[in-house]
Amino acid sequence: MLMDQRMIAGVGNIYADEILFEAKVRPDRIASSLTSEETRRIHRETRRILRRAIRTASEPEFPSDFLVSRDARGAMCKVCGNAIEKKTIGGRTAHFCSVCQV
């Protein structure tokens, strides 16, 4: 749902991954299964991550602390240390931590 351009424009794979990581929600969750608290966290993190993206738009790389910055693909989770997983969901690649995101 985050990458549905009819809902909100400008959210691609990397921003969606980061938003969901910070909101602690797995990318393969069905939108209708989210609690109101999870929806609030996603909304809050969407605003925060997109503001940061706008501020750093002129930088050639994503911020190094982003979950899947170009330099960090295949890295370990910055919170728990487990490997970041990669999964194709709806024809797009998603990166997430199966421990931190539920």
C-alpha atoms as a PDB file:
ATOM      1  CA  MET A   1       0.000   0.000   0.000  1.00  0.00           C
ATOM      2  CA  LEU A   2       2.892   2.388   0.747  1.00  0.00           C
ATOM      3  CA  MET A   3       4.102   2.173  -2.835  1.00  0.00           C
ATOM      4  CA  ASP A   4       0.654   2.635  -4.395  1.00  0.00           C
ATOM      5  CA  GLN A   5       1.153   5.986  -6.106  1.00  0.00           C
ATOM      6  CA  ARG A   6      -2.601   6.648  -5.883  1.00  0.00           C
ATOM      7  CA  MET A   7      -2.276   6.623  -2.072  1.00  0.00           C
ATOM      8  CA  ILE A   8       0.983   8.563  -1.680  1.00  0.00           C
ATOM      9  CA  ALA A   9       3.398   9.587  -4.411  1.00  0.00           C
ATOM     10  CA  GLY A  10       7.141   9.271  -4.138  1.00  0.00           C
ATOM     11  CA  VAL A  11       7.527   6.212  -1.913  1.00  0.00           C
ATOM     12  CA  GLY A  12       9.655   3.583  -3.615  1.00  0.00           C
ATOM     13  CA  ASN A  13      11.199   0.350  -2.385  1.00  0.00           C
ATOM     14  CA  ILE A  14      13.959   1.838  -0.267  1.00  0.00           C
ATOM     15  CA  TYR A  15      11.779   4.430   1.455  1.00  0.00           C
ATOM     16  CA  ALA A  16       9.014   1.865   2.043  1.00  0.00           C
ATOM     17  CA  ASP A  17      11.556  -0.536   3.546  1.00  0.00           C
ATOM     18  CA  GLU A  18      12.881   2.160   5.867  1.00  0.00           C
ATOM     19  CA  ILE A  19       9.410   3.368   6.890  1.00  0.00           C
ATOM     20  CA  LEU A  20       8.257  -0.151   7.733  1.00  0.00           C
ATOM     21  CA  PHE A  21      11.482  -0.972   9.573  1.00  0.00           C
ATOM     22  CA  GLU A  22      11.168   2.113  11.774  1.00  0.00           C
ATOM     23  CA  ALA A  23       7.450   1.371  12.323  1.00  0.00           C
ATOM     24  CA  LYS A  24       8.349  -2.271  13.201  1.00  0.00           C
ATOM     25  CA  VAL A  25       5.957  -3.712  10.603  1.00  0.00           C
ATOM     26  CA  ARG A  26       6.847  -6.463   8.119  1.00  0.00           C
ATOM     27  CA  PRO A  27       6.454  -5.539   4.439  1.00  0.00           C
ATOM     28  CA  ASP A  28       4.439  -8.683   3.710  1.00  0.00           C
ATOM     29  CA  ARG A  29       1.640  -7.742   6.115  1.00  0.00           C
ATOM     30  CA  ILE A  30      -1.791  -7.169   4.583  1.00  0.00           C
ATOM     31  CA  ALA A  31      -2.910  -3.562   5.181  1.00  0.00           C
ATOM     32  CA  SER A  32      -6.269  -4.663   6.577  1.00  0.00           C
ATOM     33  CA  SER A  33      -4.478  -6.709   9.281  1.00  0.00           C
ATOM     34  CA  LEU A  34      -2.755  -3.664  10.797  1.00  0.00           C
ATOM     35  CA  THR A  35      -3.806  -2.399  14.190  1.00  0.00           C
ATOM     36  CA  SER A  36      -4.601   1.271  14.688  1.00  0.00           C
ATOM     37  CA  GLU A  37      -1.293   1.634  16.585  1.00  0.00           C
ATOM     38  CA  GLU A  38       0.664   0.102  13.694  1.00  0.00           C
ATOM     39  CA  THR A  39      -1.112   2.421  11.256  1.00  0.00           C
ATOM     40  CA  ARG A  40      -0.196   5.425  13.434  1.00  0.00           C
ATOM     41  CA  ARG A  41       3.457   4.301  13.538  1.00  0.00           C
ATOM     42  CA  ILE A  42       3.550   3.889   9.754  1.00  0.00           C
ATOM     43  CA  HIS A  43       2.028   7.358   9.296  1.00  0.00           C
ATOM     44  CA  ARG A  44       4.503   8.929  11.730  1.00  0.00           C
ATOM     45  CA  GLU A  45       7.508   7.201  10.148  1.00  0.00           C
ATOM     46  CA  THR A  46       6.348   8.023   6.614  1.00  0.00           C
ATOM     47  CA  ARG A  47       6.343  11.707   7.491  1.00  0.00           C
ATOM     48  CA  ARG A  48       9.717  11.470   9.261  1.00  0.00           C
ATOM     49  CA  ILE A  49      11.487   9.430   6.563  1.00  0.00           C
ATOM     50  CA  LEU A  50      10.136  11.506   3.661  1.00  0.00           C
ATOM     51  CA  ARG A  51      11.142  14.747   5.401  1.00  0.00           C
ATOM     52  CA  ARG A  52      14.639  13.346   5.772  1.00  0.00           C
ATOM     53  CA  ALA A  53      14.626  12.222   2.145  1.00  0.00           C
ATOM     54  CA  ILE A  54      13.746  15.732   1.021  1.00  0.00           C
ATOM     55  CA  ARG A  55      16.562  17.223   3.142  1.00  0.00           C
ATOM     56  CA  THR A  56      19.114  14.758   1.720  1.00  0.00           C
ATOM     57  CA  ALA A  57      17.841  14.711  -1.885  1.00  0.00           C
ATOM     58  CA  SER A  58      21.020  16.261  -3.257  1.00  0.00           C
ATOM     59  CA  GLU A  59      23.240  13.564  -1.738  1.00  0.00           C
ATOM     60  CA  PRO A  60      24.319  10.821  -4.170  1.00  0.00           C
ATOM     61  CA  GLU A  61      23.795   8.041  -1.588  1.00  0.00           C
ATOM     62  CA  PHE A  62      21.014   7.306   0.846  1.00  0.00           C
ATOM     63  CA  PRO A  63      21.882   8.076   4.475  1.00  0.00           C
ATOM     64  CA  SER A  64      24.238   5.370   5.754  1.00  0.00           C
ATOM     65  CA  ASP A  65      21.950   4.572   8.669  1.00  0.00           C
ATOM     66  CA  PHE A  66      19.040   3.679   6.382  1.00  0.00           C
ATOM     67  CA  LEU A  67      18.204  -0.012   6.581  1.00  0.00           C
ATOM     68  CA  VAL A  68      19.048  -0.652   2.956  1.00  0.00           C
ATOM     69  CA  SER A  69      21.347   2.172   1.994  1.00  0.00           C
ATOM     70  CA  ARG A  70      23.232   1.298  -1.155  1.00  0.00           C
ATOM     71  CA  ASP A  71      26.303   0.489   0.929  1.00  0.00           C
ATOM     72  CA  ALA A  72      24.422  -1.579   3.514  1.00  0.00           C
ATOM     73  CA  ARG A  73      22.532  -4.095   1.328  1.00  0.00           C
ATOM     74  CA  GLY A  74      23.122  -7.507   2.800  1.00  0.00           C
ATOM     75  CA  ALA A  75      24.079  -5.993   6.139  1.00  0.00           C
ATOM     76  CA  MET A  76      22.957  -6.974   9.585  1.00  0.00           C
ATOM     77  CA  CYS A  77      20.048  -5.316  11.409  1.00  0.00           C
ATOM     78  CA  LYS A  78      21.200  -2.168  13.200  1.00  0.00           C
ATOM     79  CA  VAL A  79      18.959  -3.050  16.173  1.00  0.00           C
ATOM     80  CA  CYS A  80      19.252  -6.806  16.815  1.00  0.00           C
ATOM     81  CA  GLY A  81      22.203  -7.877  14.638  1.00  0.00           C
ATOM     82  CA  ASN A  82      20.304 -10.504  12.620  1.00  0.00           C
ATOM     83  CA  ALA A  83      20.699 -10.665   8.854  1.00  0.00           C
ATOM     84  CA  ILE A  84      18.475  -8.421   6.773  1.00  0.00           C
ATOM     85  CA  GLU A  85      16.177 -10.606   4.689  1.00  0.00           C
ATOM     86  CA  LYS A  86      15.263  -9.991   1.070  1.00  0.00           C
ATOM     87  CA  LYS A  87      11.888 -11.050  -0.340  1.00  0.00           C
ATOM     88  CA  THR A  88       9.904 -10.322  -3.491  1.00  0.00           C
ATOM     89  CA  ILE A  89       6.465  -8.984  -2.576  1.00  0.00           C
ATOM     90  CA  GLY A  90       4.029  -7.897  -5.266  1.00  0.00           C
ATOM     91  CA  GLY A  91       6.782  -7.948  -7.870  1.00  0.00           C
ATOM     92  CA  ARG A  92       9.073  -5.668  -5.828  1.00  0.00           C
ATOM     93  CA  THR A  93      12.051  -6.452  -3.651  1.00  0.00           C
ATOM     94  CA  ALA A  94      11.697  -5.727   0.052  1.00  0.00           C
ATOM     95  CA  HIS A  95      14.414  -5.790   2.727  1.00  0.00           C
ATOM     96  CA  PHE A  96      13.467  -6.324   6.371  1.00  0.00           C
ATOM     97  CA  CYS A  97      14.450  -7.794   9.719  1.00  0.00           C
ATOM     98  CA  SER A  98      12.275 -10.785  10.576  1.00  0.00           C
ATOM     99  CA  VAL A  99      13.082 -10.318  14.271  1.00  0.00           C
ATOM    100  CA  CYS A 100      12.383  -6.581  14.682  1.00  0.00           C
ATOM    101  CA  GLN A 101       9.464  -6.345  12.286  1.00  0.00           C
ATOM    102  CA  VAL A 102       6.245  -8.236  13.061  1.00  0.00           C
END
